[in-house]
Amino acid sequence: MGSIYTIRKAVPDDAAGVAKVHVDSWRTTYREIVNDEFLASLSYEK
């Protein structure tokens, strides 16, 4: 049975998806730990 996942190096076209995962993970994980202003300042575009 084959794997449904493919592991590969990231390419520039992956940047938007990686940024979304990164920012959303920080906002979820560090809510009530890190200052709300800081979490709100995180951006998908930066």
N, C-alpha and C. Protein backbone atom coordinates (compact mmCIF):
# COMPACT_ATOMS: atom_id res chain seq x y z
N MET A 1 0.84 -1.17 0.00
CA MET A 1 0.00 0.00 0.00
C MET A 1 0.89 1.24 0.00
N GLY A 2 0.65 2.18 -0.92
CA GLY A 2 1.46 3.38 -1.04
C GLY A 2 1.06 4.46 -0.06
N SER A 3 1.99 5.35 0.16
CA SER A 3 1.75 6.47 1.06
C SER A 3 0.91 7.54 0.36
N ILE A 4 0.07 8.22 1.11
CA ILE A 4 -0.72 9.31 0.53
C ILE A 4 0.00 10.65 0.69
N TYR A 5 1.18 10.63 1.30
CA TYR A 5 1.95 11.85 1.52
C TYR A 5 3.21 11.82 0.68
N THR A 6 3.61 13.00 0.24
CA THR A 6 4.87 13.17 -0.45
C THR A 6 5.68 14.18 0.34
N ILE A 7 6.88 13.82 0.70
CA ILE A 7 7.77 14.73 1.43
C ILE A 7 8.77 15.27 0.43
N ARG A 8 8.89 16.60 0.41
CA ARG A 8 9.82 17.25 -0.51
C ARG A 8 10.30 18.54 0.12
N LYS A 9 11.36 19.09 -0.44
CA LYS A 9 11.85 20.38 0.02
C LYS A 9 10.84 21.45 -0.37
N ALA A 10 10.71 22.45 0.48
CA ALA A 10 9.82 23.57 0.17
C ALA A 10 10.38 24.37 -1.00
N VAL A 11 9.48 24.96 -1.75
CA VAL A 11 9.85 25.84 -2.87
C VAL A 11 9.18 27.20 -2.63
N PRO A 12 9.64 28.23 -3.33
CA PRO A 12 9.07 29.56 -3.11
C PRO A 12 7.54 29.62 -3.19
N ASP A 13 6.94 28.83 -4.03
CA ASP A 13 5.47 28.83 -4.14
C ASP A 13 4.78 28.32 -2.87
N ASP A 14 5.52 27.69 -1.97
CA ASP A 14 4.96 27.18 -0.72
C ASP A 14 4.92 28.24 0.38
N ALA A 15 5.52 29.39 0.14
CA ALA A 15 5.70 30.40 1.19
C ALA A 15 4.39 30.83 1.85
N ALA A 16 3.36 31.06 1.08
CA ALA A 16 2.08 31.51 1.66
C ALA A 16 1.50 30.46 2.60
N GLY A 17 1.54 29.21 2.22
CA GLY A 17 1.01 28.15 3.06
C GLY A 17 1.84 27.95 4.32
N VAL A 18 3.15 28.02 4.19
CA VAL A 18 4.04 27.89 5.35
C VAL A 18 3.80 29.06 6.31
N ALA A 19 3.66 30.26 5.78
CA ALA A 19 3.41 31.44 6.62
C ALA A 19 2.10 31.30 7.38
N LYS A 20 1.07 30.81 6.73
CA LYS A 20 -0.23 30.64 7.39
C LYS A 20 -0.13 29.64 8.53
N VAL A 21 0.52 28.52 8.30
CA VAL A 21 0.69 27.52 9.36
C VAL A 21 1.49 28.12 10.52
N HIS A 22 2.55 28.84 10.21
CA HIS A 22 3.42 29.42 11.23
C HIS A 22 2.65 30.43 12.10
N VAL A 23 1.98 31.38 11.46
CA VAL A 23 1.25 32.43 12.19
C VAL A 23 0.09 31.83 12.98
N ASP A 24 -0.69 30.98 12.35
CA ASP A 24 -1.84 30.39 13.05
C ASP A 24 -1.39 29.53 14.22
N SER A 25 -0.27 28.83 14.06
CA SER A 25 0.26 28.00 15.16
C SER A 25 0.68 28.86 16.34
N TRP A 26 1.38 29.97 16.06
CA TRP A 26 1.77 30.88 17.13
C TRP A 26 0.55 31.44 17.84
N ARG A 27 -0.43 31.89 17.07
CA ARG A 27 -1.62 32.50 17.68
C ARG A 27 -2.39 31.51 18.53
N THR A 28 -2.42 30.27 18.14
CA THR A 28 -3.14 29.24 18.91
C THR A 28 -2.33 28.78 20.12
N THR A 29 -1.06 28.50 19.90
CA THR A 29 -0.22 27.94 20.96
C THR A 29 0.08 28.93 22.07
N TYR A 30 0.35 30.19 21.70
CA TYR A 30 0.81 31.16 22.68
C TYR A 30 -0.27 32.12 23.17
N ARG A 31 -1.53 31.87 22.81
CA ARG A 31 -2.64 32.68 23.33
C ARG A 31 -2.61 32.58 24.86
N GLU A 32 -2.78 33.68 25.53
CA GLU A 32 -2.76 33.78 26.99
C GLU A 32 -1.36 33.59 27.59
N ILE A 33 -0.34 33.44 26.76
CA ILE A 33 1.04 33.35 27.24
C ILE A 33 1.82 34.58 26.76
N VAL A 34 1.64 34.90 25.48
CA VAL A 34 2.32 36.02 24.85
C VAL A 34 1.32 37.17 24.71
N ASN A 35 1.83 38.38 24.78
CA ASN A 35 1.01 39.59 24.65
C ASN A 35 0.12 39.53 23.41
N ASP A 36 -1.17 39.84 23.58
CA ASP A 36 -2.13 39.80 22.47
C ASP A 36 -1.73 40.74 21.32
N GLU A 37 -1.16 41.89 21.66
CA GLU A 37 -0.72 42.83 20.62
C GLU A 37 0.34 42.21 19.73
N PHE A 38 1.26 41.48 20.34
CA PHE A 38 2.30 40.82 19.55
C PHE A 38 1.69 39.79 18.61
N LEU A 39 0.81 38.96 19.14
CA LEU A 39 0.19 37.93 18.30
C LEU A 39 -0.62 38.56 17.17
N ALA A 40 -1.29 39.66 17.45
CA ALA A 40 -2.06 40.35 16.41
C ALA A 40 -1.15 40.97 15.35
N SER A 41 0.08 41.28 15.73
CA SER A 41 1.01 41.90 14.79
C SER A 41 1.62 40.90 13.81
N LEU A 42 1.49 39.61 14.11
CA LEU A 42 2.03 38.60 13.19
C LEU A 42 1.28 38.66 11.88
N SER A 43 2.00 38.50 10.80
CA SER A 43 1.40 38.68 9.48
C SER A 43 1.79 37.54 8.55
N TYR A 44 0.86 37.16 7.70
CA TYR A 44 1.16 36.15 6.68
C TYR A 44 2.10 36.73 5.62
N GLU A 45 2.08 38.03 5.46
CA GLU A 45 2.85 38.67 4.39
C GLU A 45 4.30 38.96 4.75
N LYS A 46 4.61 39.08 6.03
CA LYS A 46 5.98 39.44 6.44
C LYS A 46 6.95 38.33 6.14
